Amino acid sequence: MEPRSSRIIVFGAGGRVGRAAVAEARRRGHEVTEAVRADADVTDPQAVARSAAGHDAAIVAVYDSGARPGEFFPAVARALAEGLPAAGVKRLVSAGLASVLATASGDLLMDTPGYPQEWREFCLGHGAGTEALRAAAPEALDWVVLSPAGDFDHEGEPSGGYAFAPAEAGSRITPGDFARALLDEAEVPTLHRMHAGASAV
């Protein structure tokens, strides 16, 4: 049975992942609200609640190059944890980062030998955001953080498929296939209160 049409808000709709999520949601027949920084301050719970009112699910793919990652991502998480339930939104699917996803060995990808360290502060900020969401989200908000299991393939063609997988440096997924994972989890949740990786198949 096809999932029913829903109202979905995409915070960060102007970015590459956000644009792919908007396109995939519309392809599936959902009513989509595109929220960019000028529309809503995603670090402000009241602004989140105002923007999200009347929606069934939220997809979040935000980034602020001018902010400190360790402050920005936790602030976003706390605002979502407060603002979405206040708006009656029950499902949150947030785009995360593979660097802070566990590998098959249990180590975070960024802690594996040879992994580039120049973006470590940004990675740690993303991880702090997930932990802030875990701590702040009430039971009424069913959330998941999804990231590529490795990185994006911006040159390849979407395969139309994906699989959830541990972090692996060589794993790749196109933005289009990643958007399918985001929308699948927004429509019919299978992952709850966790960070998971998606890889192309």
N, C-alpha and C. Protein backbone atom coordinates (compact mmCIF):
# COMPACT_ATOMS: atom_id res chain seq x y z
N MET A 1 0.85 -1.18 0.00
CA MET A 1 0.00 0.00 0.00
C MET A 1 0.89 1.24 0.00
N GLU A 2 0.57 2.20 -0.85
CA GLU A 2 1.35 3.43 -0.93
C GLU A 2 1.10 4.30 0.30
N PRO A 3 2.17 4.92 0.86
CA PRO A 3 1.95 5.83 1.98
C PRO A 3 1.06 6.98 1.55
N ARG A 4 0.24 7.47 2.48
CA ARG A 4 -0.65 8.57 2.15
C ARG A 4 0.16 9.84 1.94
N SER A 5 -0.43 10.78 1.23
CA SER A 5 0.21 12.07 1.03
C SER A 5 0.28 12.82 2.36
N SER A 6 1.41 13.44 2.62
CA SER A 6 1.62 14.14 3.89
C SER A 6 2.09 15.56 3.62
N ARG A 7 2.09 16.35 4.68
CA ARG A 7 2.70 17.68 4.65
C ARG A 7 4.06 17.56 5.33
N ILE A 8 5.10 17.87 4.59
CA ILE A 8 6.46 17.73 5.08
C ILE A 8 7.17 19.06 4.97
N ILE A 9 7.83 19.47 6.05
CA ILE A 9 8.66 20.67 6.01
C ILE A 9 10.11 20.26 5.92
N VAL A 10 10.86 20.92 5.06
CA VAL A 10 12.28 20.65 4.89
C VAL A 10 13.06 21.89 5.33
N PHE A 11 13.70 21.80 6.50
CA PHE A 11 14.59 22.86 6.95
C PHE A 11 15.94 22.67 6.28
N GLY A 12 16.47 23.76 5.71
CA GLY A 12 17.70 23.65 4.93
C GLY A 12 17.42 23.26 3.50
N ALA A 13 16.27 23.69 3.00
CA ALA A 13 15.83 23.29 1.65
C ALA A 13 16.70 23.87 0.55
N GLY A 14 17.53 24.87 0.86
CA GLY A 14 18.37 25.47 -0.17
C GLY A 14 19.67 24.74 -0.42
N GLY A 15 20.05 23.81 0.46
CA GLY A 15 21.29 23.07 0.29
C GLY A 15 21.12 21.87 -0.62
N ARG A 16 22.23 21.20 -0.92
CA ARG A 16 22.18 20.09 -1.87
C ARG A 16 21.30 18.95 -1.37
N VAL A 17 21.45 18.57 -0.11
CA VAL A 17 20.62 17.50 0.45
C VAL A 17 19.18 17.96 0.57
N GLY A 18 18.99 19.20 1.03
CA GLY A 18 17.64 19.72 1.16
C GLY A 18 16.91 19.77 -0.17
N ARG A 19 17.59 20.21 -1.22
CA ARG A 19 16.96 20.27 -2.55
C ARG A 19 16.57 18.88 -3.03
N ALA A 20 17.45 17.91 -2.78
CA ALA A 20 17.15 16.53 -3.20
C ALA A 20 15.95 15.99 -2.42
N ALA A 21 15.86 16.32 -1.13
CA ALA A 21 14.74 15.86 -0.32
C ALA A 21 13.43 16.49 -0.79
N VAL A 22 13.47 17.78 -1.10
CA VAL A 22 12.27 18.46 -1.60
C VAL A 22 11.81 17.81 -2.90
N ALA A 23 12.74 17.56 -3.82
CA ALA A 23 12.39 16.95 -5.11
C ALA A 23 11.79 15.57 -4.92
N GLU A 24 12.38 14.77 -4.04
CA GLU A 24 11.88 13.42 -3.81
C GLU A 24 10.50 13.45 -3.15
N ALA A 25 10.32 14.35 -2.21
CA ALA A 25 9.01 14.45 -1.54
C ALA A 25 7.93 14.85 -2.54
N ARG A 26 8.23 15.78 -3.40
CA ARG A 26 7.24 16.20 -4.40
C ARG A 26 6.99 15.11 -5.42
N ARG A 27 8.03 14.37 -5.76
CA ARG A 27 7.85 13.25 -6.70
C ARG A 27 6.86 12.24 -6.13
N ARG A 28 6.84 12.10 -4.81
CA ARG A 28 5.95 11.14 -4.16
C ARG A 28 4.56 11.71 -3.88
N GLY A 29 4.36 12.97 -4.23
CA GLY A 29 3.04 13.55 -4.08
C GLY A 29 2.77 14.24 -2.76
N HIS A 30 3.82 14.49 -1.98
CA HIS A 30 3.64 15.17 -0.70
C HIS A 30 3.54 16.68 -0.90
N GLU A 31 2.88 17.34 0.03
CA GLU A 31 2.87 18.79 0.07
C GLU A 31 4.10 19.23 0.86
N VAL A 32 4.96 20.04 0.24
CA VAL A 32 6.25 20.35 0.84
C VAL A 32 6.38 21.84 1.13
N THR A 33 6.86 22.16 2.32
CA THR A 33 7.24 23.53 2.67
C THR A 33 8.76 23.60 2.68
N GLU A 34 9.30 24.50 1.88
CA GLU A 34 10.75 24.70 1.84
C GLU A 34 11.13 25.80 2.82
N ALA A 35 11.86 25.46 3.85
CA ALA A 35 12.28 26.43 4.86
C ALA A 35 13.78 26.68 4.72
N VAL A 36 14.14 27.90 4.43
CA VAL A 36 15.54 28.30 4.37
C VAL A 36 15.80 29.28 5.50
N ARG A 37 17.05 29.70 5.66
CA ARG A 37 17.43 30.50 6.81
C ARG A 37 16.62 31.79 6.91
N ALA A 38 16.26 32.36 5.76
CA ALA A 38 15.49 33.61 5.79
C ALA A 38 14.06 33.39 6.30
N ASP A 39 13.58 32.15 6.20
CA ASP A 39 12.20 31.85 6.62
C ASP A 39 12.10 31.51 8.10
N ALA A 40 13.08 30.82 8.62
CA ALA A 40 12.98 30.32 9.99
C ALA A 40 14.36 30.15 10.59
N ASP A 41 14.55 30.67 11.81
CA ASP A 41 15.77 30.46 12.56
C ASP A 41 15.65 29.11 13.25
N VAL A 42 16.37 28.13 12.74
CA VAL A 42 16.21 26.77 13.24
C VAL A 42 16.87 26.56 14.60
N THR A 43 17.49 27.60 15.14
CA THR A 43 18.00 27.53 16.52
C THR A 43 17.00 28.13 17.51
N ASP A 44 15.86 28.61 17.02
CA ASP A 44 14.84 29.25 17.85
C ASP A 44 13.61 28.34 17.92
N PRO A 45 13.30 27.78 19.10
CA PRO A 45 12.17 26.85 19.20
C PRO A 45 10.85 27.45 18.74
N GLN A 46 10.62 28.73 19.03
CA GLN A 46 9.37 29.36 18.63
C GLN A 46 9.29 29.49 17.10
N ALA A 47 10.41 29.83 16.48
CA ALA A 47 10.43 29.94 15.02
C ALA A 47 10.22 28.57 14.38
N VAL A 48 10.82 27.54 14.96
CA VAL A 48 10.61 26.17 14.46
C VAL A 48 9.14 25.80 14.56
N ALA A 49 8.53 26.08 15.72
CA ALA A 49 7.13 25.73 15.94
C ALA A 49 6.22 26.46 14.95
N ARG A 50 6.47 27.74 14.74
CA ARG A 50 5.64 28.50 13.80
C ARG A 50 5.74 27.93 12.39
N SER A 51 6.95 27.63 11.96
CA SER A 51 7.16 27.13 10.60
C SER A 51 6.59 25.73 10.41
N ALA A 52 6.68 24.90 11.46
CA ALA A 52 6.32 23.48 11.33
C ALA A 52 4.85 23.20 11.60
N ALA A 53 4.12 24.17 12.10
CA ALA A 53 2.71 23.95 12.43
C ALA A 53 1.95 23.42 11.23
N GLY A 54 1.15 22.37 11.45
CA GLY A 54 0.33 21.81 10.39
C GLY A 54 1.03 20.77 9.55
N HIS A 55 2.27 20.42 9.87
CA HIS A 55 3.02 19.42 9.09
C HIS A 55 3.02 18.07 9.82
N ASP A 56 3.21 17.03 9.05
CA ASP A 56 3.25 15.67 9.60
C ASP A 56 4.66 15.23 9.97
N ALA A 57 5.65 15.74 9.24
CA ALA A 57 7.04 15.32 9.47
C ALA A 57 7.96 16.46 9.08
N ALA A 58 9.17 16.41 9.64
CA ALA A 58 10.20 17.40 9.32
C ALA A 58 11.46 16.68 8.88
N ILE A 59 12.07 17.20 7.82
CA ILE A 59 13.39 16.76 7.38
C ILE A 59 14.33 17.94 7.57
N VAL A 60 15.48 17.70 8.17
CA VAL A 60 16.39 18.79 8.52
C VAL A 60 17.77 18.52 7.93
N ALA A 61 18.26 19.48 7.15
CA ALA A 61 19.59 19.37 6.55
C ALA A 61 20.21 20.76 6.57
N VAL A 62 20.55 21.24 7.76
CA VAL A 62 20.98 22.62 7.93
C VAL A 62 22.47 22.71 8.24
N TYR A 63 23.02 23.89 7.92
CA TYR A 63 24.44 24.16 8.14
C TYR A 63 24.63 25.66 8.12
N ASP A 64 25.43 26.19 9.01
CA ASP A 64 25.74 27.61 9.05
C ASP A 64 27.24 27.77 9.10
N SER A 65 27.81 28.21 7.98
CA SER A 65 29.27 28.32 7.88
C SER A 65 29.83 29.39 8.81
N GLY A 66 28.99 30.32 9.26
CA GLY A 66 29.46 31.38 10.12
C GLY A 66 29.35 31.08 11.60
N ALA A 67 28.81 29.92 11.94
CA ALA A 67 28.60 29.57 13.35
C ALA A 67 29.64 28.56 13.82
N ARG A 68 29.86 28.50 15.11
CA ARG A 68 30.73 27.49 15.69
C ARG A 68 29.96 26.16 15.73
N PRO A 69 30.50 25.11 15.10
CA PRO A 69 29.76 23.85 15.01
C PRO A 69 29.32 23.30 16.36
N GLY A 70 30.18 23.42 17.37
CA GLY A 70 29.86 22.88 18.68
C GLY A 70 28.75 23.62 19.39
N GLU A 71 28.42 24.81 18.91
CA GLU A 71 27.30 25.58 19.45
C GLU A 71 26.08 25.46 18.55
N PHE A 72 26.30 25.52 17.23
CA PHE A 72 25.19 25.56 16.27
C PHE A 72 24.37 24.27 16.28
N PHE A 73 25.02 23.13 16.11
CA PHE A 73 24.26 21.89 15.97
C PHE A 73 23.51 21.50 17.25
N PRO A 74 24.10 21.64 18.44
CA PRO A 74 23.29 21.40 19.65
C PRO A 74 22.13 22.37 19.80
N ALA A 75 22.35 23.64 19.42
CA ALA A 75 21.25 24.62 19.50
C ALA A 75 20.12 24.23 18.57
N VAL A 76 20.45 23.78 17.37
CA VAL A 76 19.44 23.31 16.42
C VAL A 76 18.68 22.13 17.02
N ALA A 77 19.42 21.18 17.58
CA ALA A 77 18.79 19.98 18.15
C ALA A 77 17.81 20.34 19.26
N ARG A 78 18.22 21.24 20.15
CA ARG A 78 17.33 21.63 21.25
C ARG A 78 16.11 22.37 20.75
N ALA A 79 16.28 23.21 19.73
CA ALA A 79 15.15 23.95 19.17
C ALA A 79 14.16 23.00 18.49
N LEU A 80 14.67 22.01 17.78
CA LEU A 80 13.80 21.02 17.15
C LEU A 80 13.07 20.19 18.20
N ALA A 81 13.79 19.80 19.24
CA ALA A 81 13.21 18.97 20.29
C ALA A 81 12.06 19.67 21.01
N GLU A 82 12.14 20.98 21.09
CA GLU A 82 11.06 21.76 21.72
C GLU A 82 10.02 22.22 20.72
N GLY A 83 10.48 22.73 19.59
CA GLY A 83 9.57 23.36 18.64
C GLY A 83 8.70 22.40 17.85
N LEU A 84 9.24 21.26 17.43
CA LEU A 84 8.44 20.33 16.63
C LEU A 84 7.27 19.74 17.42
N PRO A 85 7.49 19.22 18.64
CA PRO A 85 6.34 18.73 19.40
C PRO A 85 5.31 19.81 19.67
N ALA A 86 5.77 21.05 19.91
CA ALA A 86 4.84 22.15 20.14
C ALA A 86 3.96 22.39 18.92
N ALA A 87 4.49 22.09 17.73
CA ALA A 87 3.74 22.25 16.49
C ALA A 87 2.93 21.01 16.13
N GLY A 88 3.05 19.96 16.93
CA GLY A 88 2.32 18.73 16.64
C GLY A 88 3.00 17.81 15.65
N VAL A 89 4.28 18.09 15.33
CA VAL A 89 5.04 17.23 14.42
C VAL A 89 5.60 16.05 15.20
N LYS A 90 5.35 14.85 14.71
CA LYS A 90 5.74 13.66 15.47
C LYS A 90 6.99 12.96 14.92
N ARG A 91 7.39 13.25 13.68
CA ARG A 91 8.54 12.56 13.07
C ARG A 91 9.56 13.56 12.58
N LEU A 92 10.82 13.33 12.97
CA LEU A 92 11.96 14.14 12.55
C LEU A 92 13.00 13.23 11.93
N VAL A 93 13.42 13.58 10.71
CA VAL A 93 14.52 12.89 10.04
C VAL A 93 15.58 13.94 9.75
N SER A 94 16.73 13.81 10.39
CA SER A 94 17.78 14.81 10.30
C SER A 94 18.99 14.24 9.56
N ALA A 95 19.57 15.03 8.67
CA ALA A 95 20.76 14.61 7.94
C ALA A 95 21.99 14.82 8.80
N GLY A 96 22.76 13.76 9.00
CA GLY A 96 23.94 13.81 9.84
C GLY A 96 25.23 13.66 9.06
N LEU A 97 26.26 13.19 9.74
CA LEU A 97 27.60 13.13 9.18
C LEU A 97 28.21 11.76 9.47
N ALA A 98 28.79 11.14 8.45
CA ALA A 98 29.35 9.81 8.61
C ALA A 98 30.53 9.77 9.57
N SER A 99 31.24 10.88 9.69
CA SER A 99 32.44 10.90 10.53
C SER A 99 32.17 10.49 11.96
N VAL A 100 30.96 10.79 12.46
CA VAL A 100 30.61 10.46 13.84
C VAL A 100 29.68 9.25 13.91
N LEU A 101 29.70 8.44 12.85
CA LEU A 101 28.94 7.19 12.81
C LEU A 101 29.90 6.03 13.11
N ALA A 102 29.41 5.04 13.84
CA ALA A 102 30.26 3.90 14.19
C ALA A 102 30.52 3.01 12.99
N THR A 103 31.74 2.52 12.89
CA THR A 103 32.12 1.54 11.88
C THR A 103 31.75 0.15 12.39
N ALA A 104 32.00 -0.86 11.57
CA ALA A 104 31.70 -2.23 11.98
C ALA A 104 32.49 -2.64 13.22
N SER A 105 33.66 -2.04 13.43
CA SER A 105 34.49 -2.36 14.60
C SER A 105 34.00 -1.67 15.86
N GLY A 106 33.10 -0.70 15.70
CA GLY A 106 32.62 0.08 16.84
C GLY A 106 33.28 1.42 16.99
N ASP A 107 34.43 1.64 16.31
CA ASP A 107 35.09 2.94 16.35
C ASP A 107 34.34 3.93 15.46
N LEU A 108 34.33 5.21 15.85
CA LEU A 108 33.78 6.22 14.98
C LEU A 108 34.66 6.33 13.74
N LEU A 109 34.03 6.63 12.61
CA LEU A 109 34.79 6.72 11.36
C LEU A 109 35.94 7.71 11.47
N MET A 110 35.71 8.85 12.15
CA MET A 110 36.76 9.87 12.23
C MET A 110 37.93 9.42 13.10
N ASP A 111 37.76 8.34 13.87
CA ASP A 111 38.83 7.84 14.73
C ASP A 111 39.58 6.67 14.11
N THR A 112 39.26 6.31 12.87
CA THR A 112 39.94 5.20 12.21
C THR A 112 41.25 5.69 11.58
N PRO A 113 42.25 4.83 11.45
CA PRO A 113 43.55 5.24 10.91
C PRO A 113 43.43 5.85 9.52
N GLY A 114 44.12 6.97 9.34
CA GLY A 114 44.17 7.61 8.04
C GLY A 114 43.01 8.52 7.71
N TYR A 115 42.01 8.59 8.59
CA TYR A 115 40.86 9.44 8.28
C TYR A 115 41.26 10.91 8.43
N PRO A 116 40.92 11.78 7.46
CA PRO A 116 41.31 13.19 7.52
C PRO A 116 40.79 13.86 8.79
N GLN A 117 41.65 14.69 9.40
CA GLN A 117 41.31 15.31 10.68
C GLN A 117 41.08 16.82 10.59
N GLU A 118 41.20 17.41 9.39
CA GLU A 118 41.10 18.86 9.30
C GLU A 118 39.70 19.40 9.60
N TRP A 119 38.69 18.54 9.50
CA TRP A 119 37.32 18.96 9.78
C TRP A 119 36.82 18.38 11.10
N ARG A 120 37.74 18.02 11.99
CA ARG A 120 37.33 17.33 13.21
C ARG A 120 36.40 18.19 14.08
N GLU A 121 36.67 19.49 14.17
CA GLU A 121 35.80 20.35 14.98
C GLU A 121 34.37 20.32 14.44
N PHE A 122 34.23 20.35 13.12
CA PHE A 122 32.91 20.29 12.50
C PHE A 122 32.25 18.95 12.80
N CYS A 123 33.03 17.89 12.70
CA CYS A 123 32.50 16.55 12.98
C CYS A 123 32.02 16.44 14.42
N LEU A 124 32.83 16.92 15.34
CA LEU A 124 32.46 16.86 16.75
C LEU A 124 31.20 17.68 17.02
N GLY A 125 31.05 18.79 16.32
CA GLY A 125 29.85 19.60 16.47
C GLY A 125 28.61 18.85 16.03
N HIS A 126 28.72 18.13 14.91
CA HIS A 126 27.61 17.30 14.44
C HIS A 126 27.26 16.24 15.48
N GLY A 127 28.28 15.60 16.01
CA GLY A 127 28.05 14.57 17.01
C GLY A 127 27.40 15.14 18.26
N ALA A 128 27.83 16.33 18.66
CA ALA A 128 27.23 16.98 19.83
C ALA A 128 25.76 17.31 19.58
N GLY A 129 25.43 17.63 18.32
CA GLY A 129 24.03 17.88 17.97
C GLY A 129 23.17 16.65 18.15
N THR A 130 23.68 15.50 17.73
CA THR A 130 22.92 14.25 17.90
C THR A 130 22.74 13.92 19.37
N GLU A 131 23.77 14.12 20.17
CA GLU A 131 23.66 13.84 21.60
C GLU A 131 22.70 14.82 22.28
N ALA A 132 22.69 16.07 21.83
CA ALA A 132 21.74 17.04 22.38
C ALA A 132 20.31 16.65 22.02
N LEU A 133 20.11 16.15 20.82
CA LEU A 133 18.78 15.70 20.41
C LEU A 133 18.35 14.50 21.25
N ARG A 134 19.27 13.57 21.47
CA ARG A 134 18.97 12.39 22.28
C ARG A 134 18.56 12.79 23.70
N ALA A 135 19.23 13.81 24.23
CA ALA A 135 18.95 14.23 25.60
C ALA A 135 17.67 15.05 25.71
N ALA A 136 17.37 15.84 24.68
CA ALA A 136 16.28 16.82 24.79
C ALA A 136 14.95 16.37 24.21
N ALA A 137 14.97 15.45 23.25
CA ALA A 137 13.73 15.10 22.55
C ALA A 137 12.78 14.34 23.46
N PRO A 138 11.54 14.79 23.56
CA PRO A 138 10.55 14.06 24.35
C PRO A 138 10.09 12.81 23.62
N GLU A 139 9.40 11.95 24.32
CA GLU A 139 8.90 10.71 23.70
C GLU A 139 7.96 11.00 22.54
N ALA A 140 7.30 12.16 22.58
CA ALA A 140 6.35 12.50 21.52
C ALA A 140 7.04 12.76 20.18
N LEU A 141 8.35 12.98 20.19
CA LEU A 141 9.08 13.22 18.94
C LEU A 141 9.90 11.99 18.58
N ASP A 142 9.50 11.33 17.53
CA ASP A 142 10.20 10.14 17.02
C ASP A 142 11.24 10.61 16.03
N TRP A 143 12.52 10.51 16.38
CA TRP A 143 13.57 11.08 15.55
C TRP A 143 14.57 10.02 15.09
N VAL A 144 15.25 10.34 14.00
CA VAL A 144 16.38 9.56 13.53
C VAL A 144 17.35 10.50 12.83
N VAL A 145 18.62 10.25 12.97
CA VAL A 145 19.66 10.96 12.21
C VAL A 145 20.19 9.99 11.17
N LEU A 146 20.13 10.38 9.91
CA LEU A 146 20.66 9.57 8.82
C LEU A 146 21.83 10.29 8.17
N SER A 147 22.85 9.56 7.83
CA SER A 147 23.97 10.14 7.09
C SER A 147 24.42 9.16 6.02
N PRO A 148 25.17 9.62 5.03
CA PRO A 148 25.85 8.64 4.18
C PRO A 148 26.71 7.75 5.07
N ALA A 149 26.87 6.50 4.71
CA ALA A 149 27.75 5.62 5.47
C ALA A 149 29.21 6.01 5.28
N GLY A 150 29.49 6.73 4.19
CA GLY A 150 30.84 7.23 3.93
C GLY A 150 30.80 8.68 3.47
N ASP A 151 30.44 8.87 2.20
CA ASP A 151 30.39 10.23 1.66
C ASP A 151 29.40 10.24 0.50
N PHE A 152 29.14 11.44 -0.02
CA PHE A 152 28.26 11.57 -1.17
C PHE A 152 29.01 11.31 -2.47
N ASP A 153 28.31 10.74 -3.41
CA ASP A 153 28.79 10.60 -4.79
C ASP A 153 28.03 11.63 -5.61
N HIS A 154 28.69 12.77 -5.86
CA HIS A 154 28.02 13.85 -6.56
C HIS A 154 28.08 13.70 -8.07
N GLU A 155 28.85 12.76 -8.56
CA GLU A 155 29.02 12.59 -10.00
C GLU A 155 28.20 11.43 -10.56
N GLY A 156 27.93 10.44 -9.73
CA GLY A 156 27.26 9.24 -10.21
C GLY A 156 25.77 9.42 -10.40
N GLU A 157 25.16 8.45 -11.05
CA GLU A 157 23.72 8.44 -11.26
C GLU A 157 23.05 7.67 -10.12
N PRO A 158 21.89 8.14 -9.64
CA PRO A 158 21.18 7.40 -8.60
C PRO A 158 20.87 5.99 -9.04
N SER A 159 21.03 5.04 -8.13
CA SER A 159 20.75 3.64 -8.45
C SER A 159 19.30 3.29 -8.18
N GLY A 160 18.63 4.13 -7.37
CA GLY A 160 17.27 3.84 -6.99
C GLY A 160 17.16 2.99 -5.75
N GLY A 161 18.32 2.63 -5.18
CA GLY A 161 18.31 1.79 -3.99
C GLY A 161 19.35 2.23 -2.99
N TYR A 162 19.20 1.74 -1.78
CA TYR A 162 20.16 2.01 -0.72
C TYR A 162 20.00 0.93 0.34
N ALA A 163 20.97 0.86 1.23
CA ALA A 163 20.89 -0.05 2.37
C ALA A 163 21.49 0.65 3.57
N PHE A 164 20.96 0.38 4.75
CA PHE A 164 21.55 0.92 5.96
C PHE A 164 22.80 0.11 6.29
N ALA A 165 23.87 0.82 6.67
CA ALA A 165 25.16 0.15 6.86
C ALA A 165 26.01 0.91 7.86
N PRO A 166 26.96 0.24 8.52
CA PRO A 166 27.91 0.94 9.39
C PRO A 166 28.77 1.89 8.56
N ALA A 167 29.44 2.80 9.23
CA ALA A 167 30.33 3.73 8.54
C ALA A 167 31.47 2.98 7.87
N GLU A 168 31.82 3.42 6.68
CA GLU A 168 32.92 2.82 5.93
C GLU A 168 33.46 3.89 4.99
N ALA A 169 34.76 4.18 5.07
CA ALA A 169 35.33 5.32 4.36
C ALA A 169 35.08 5.27 2.86
N GLY A 170 35.04 4.09 2.28
CA GLY A 170 34.88 3.98 0.83
C GLY A 170 33.44 3.97 0.35
N SER A 171 32.48 3.99 1.27
CA SER A 171 31.07 3.94 0.90
C SER A 171 30.63 5.24 0.24
N ARG A 172 29.77 5.14 -0.76
CA ARG A 172 29.26 6.33 -1.45
C ARG A 172 27.77 6.18 -1.72
N ILE A 173 27.08 7.31 -1.75
CA ILE A 173 25.66 7.34 -2.09
C ILE A 173 25.36 8.68 -2.77
N THR A 174 24.53 8.67 -3.79
CA THR A 174 24.19 9.93 -4.45
C THR A 174 23.18 10.70 -3.61
N PRO A 175 23.12 12.02 -3.75
CA PRO A 175 22.10 12.79 -3.03
C PRO A 175 20.68 12.29 -3.33
N GLY A 176 20.43 11.85 -4.57
CA GLY A 176 19.11 11.35 -4.91
C GLY A 176 18.75 10.09 -4.16
N ASP A 177 19.68 9.15 -4.06
CA ASP A 177 19.42 7.92 -3.30
C ASP A 177 19.31 8.21 -1.80
N PHE A 178 20.13 9.16 -1.33
CA PHE A 178 20.05 9.53 0.09
C PHE A 178 18.69 10.16 0.39
N ALA A 179 18.19 10.97 -0.55
CA ALA A 179 16.86 11.57 -0.36
C ALA A 179 15.79 10.49 -0.27
N ARG A 180 15.94 9.41 -1.00
CA ARG A 180 14.98 8.30 -0.88
C ARG A 180 14.97 7.74 0.54
N ALA A 181 16.15 7.59 1.11
CA ALA A 181 16.23 7.10 2.49
C ALA A 181 15.56 8.07 3.46
N LEU A 182 15.81 9.37 3.28
CA LEU A 182 15.19 10.36 4.15
C LEU A 182 13.66 10.29 4.06
N LEU A 183 13.13 10.21 2.85
CA LEU A 183 11.68 10.20 2.67
C LEU A 183 11.06 8.89 3.13
N ASP A 184 11.75 7.78 2.90
CA ASP A 184 11.23 6.51 3.39
C ASP A 184 11.06 6.55 4.90
N GLU A 185 12.06 7.11 5.59
CA GLU A 185 11.99 7.16 7.06
C GLU A 185 10.98 8.21 7.54
N ALA A 186 10.73 9.23 6.75
CA ALA A 186 9.70 10.21 7.10
C ALA A 186 8.31 9.61 6.94
N GLU A 187 8.13 8.79 5.90
CA GLU A 187 6.82 8.21 5.61
C GLU A 187 6.48 7.04 6.53
N VAL A 188 7.40 6.09 6.62
CA VAL A 188 7.17 4.86 7.40
C VAL A 188 8.40 4.61 8.27
N PRO A 189 8.42 5.15 9.46
CA PRO A 189 9.61 5.05 10.32
C PRO A 189 9.98 3.60 10.64
N THR A 190 11.26 3.28 10.47
CA THR A 190 11.77 1.97 10.88
C THR A 190 12.93 2.12 11.86
N LEU A 191 13.52 3.31 11.94
CA LEU A 191 14.65 3.58 12.82
C LEU A 191 14.24 4.65 13.82
N HIS A 192 14.62 4.46 15.07
CA HIS A 192 14.12 5.34 16.11
C HIS A 192 15.23 5.74 17.08
N ARG A 193 15.36 7.05 17.31
CA ARG A 193 16.27 7.62 18.31
C ARG A 193 17.69 7.07 18.15
N MET A 194 18.20 7.15 16.93
CA MET A 194 19.53 6.62 16.63
C MET A 194 20.11 7.33 15.43
N HIS A 195 21.40 7.11 15.19
CA HIS A 195 22.11 7.58 14.01
C HIS A 195 22.44 6.37 13.14
N ALA A 196 22.03 6.41 11.89
CA ALA A 196 22.27 5.29 10.97
C ALA A 196 22.87 5.82 9.67
N GLY A 197 23.63 4.96 9.00
CA GLY A 197 24.23 5.31 7.73
C GLY A 197 23.54 4.64 6.57
N ALA A 198 23.55 5.30 5.42
CA ALA A 198 22.95 4.74 4.20
C ALA A 198 24.01 4.65 3.11
N SER A 199 24.02 3.52 2.42
CA SER A 199 24.99 3.28 1.35
C SER A 199 24.24 2.84 0.10
N ALA A 200 24.77 3.15 -1.07
CA ALA A 200 24.15 2.74 -2.32
C ALA A 200 24.25 1.22 -2.48
N VAL A 201 23.28 0.66 -3.17
CA VAL A 201 23.32 -0.76 -3.48
C VAL A 201 23.22 -0.95 -4.98
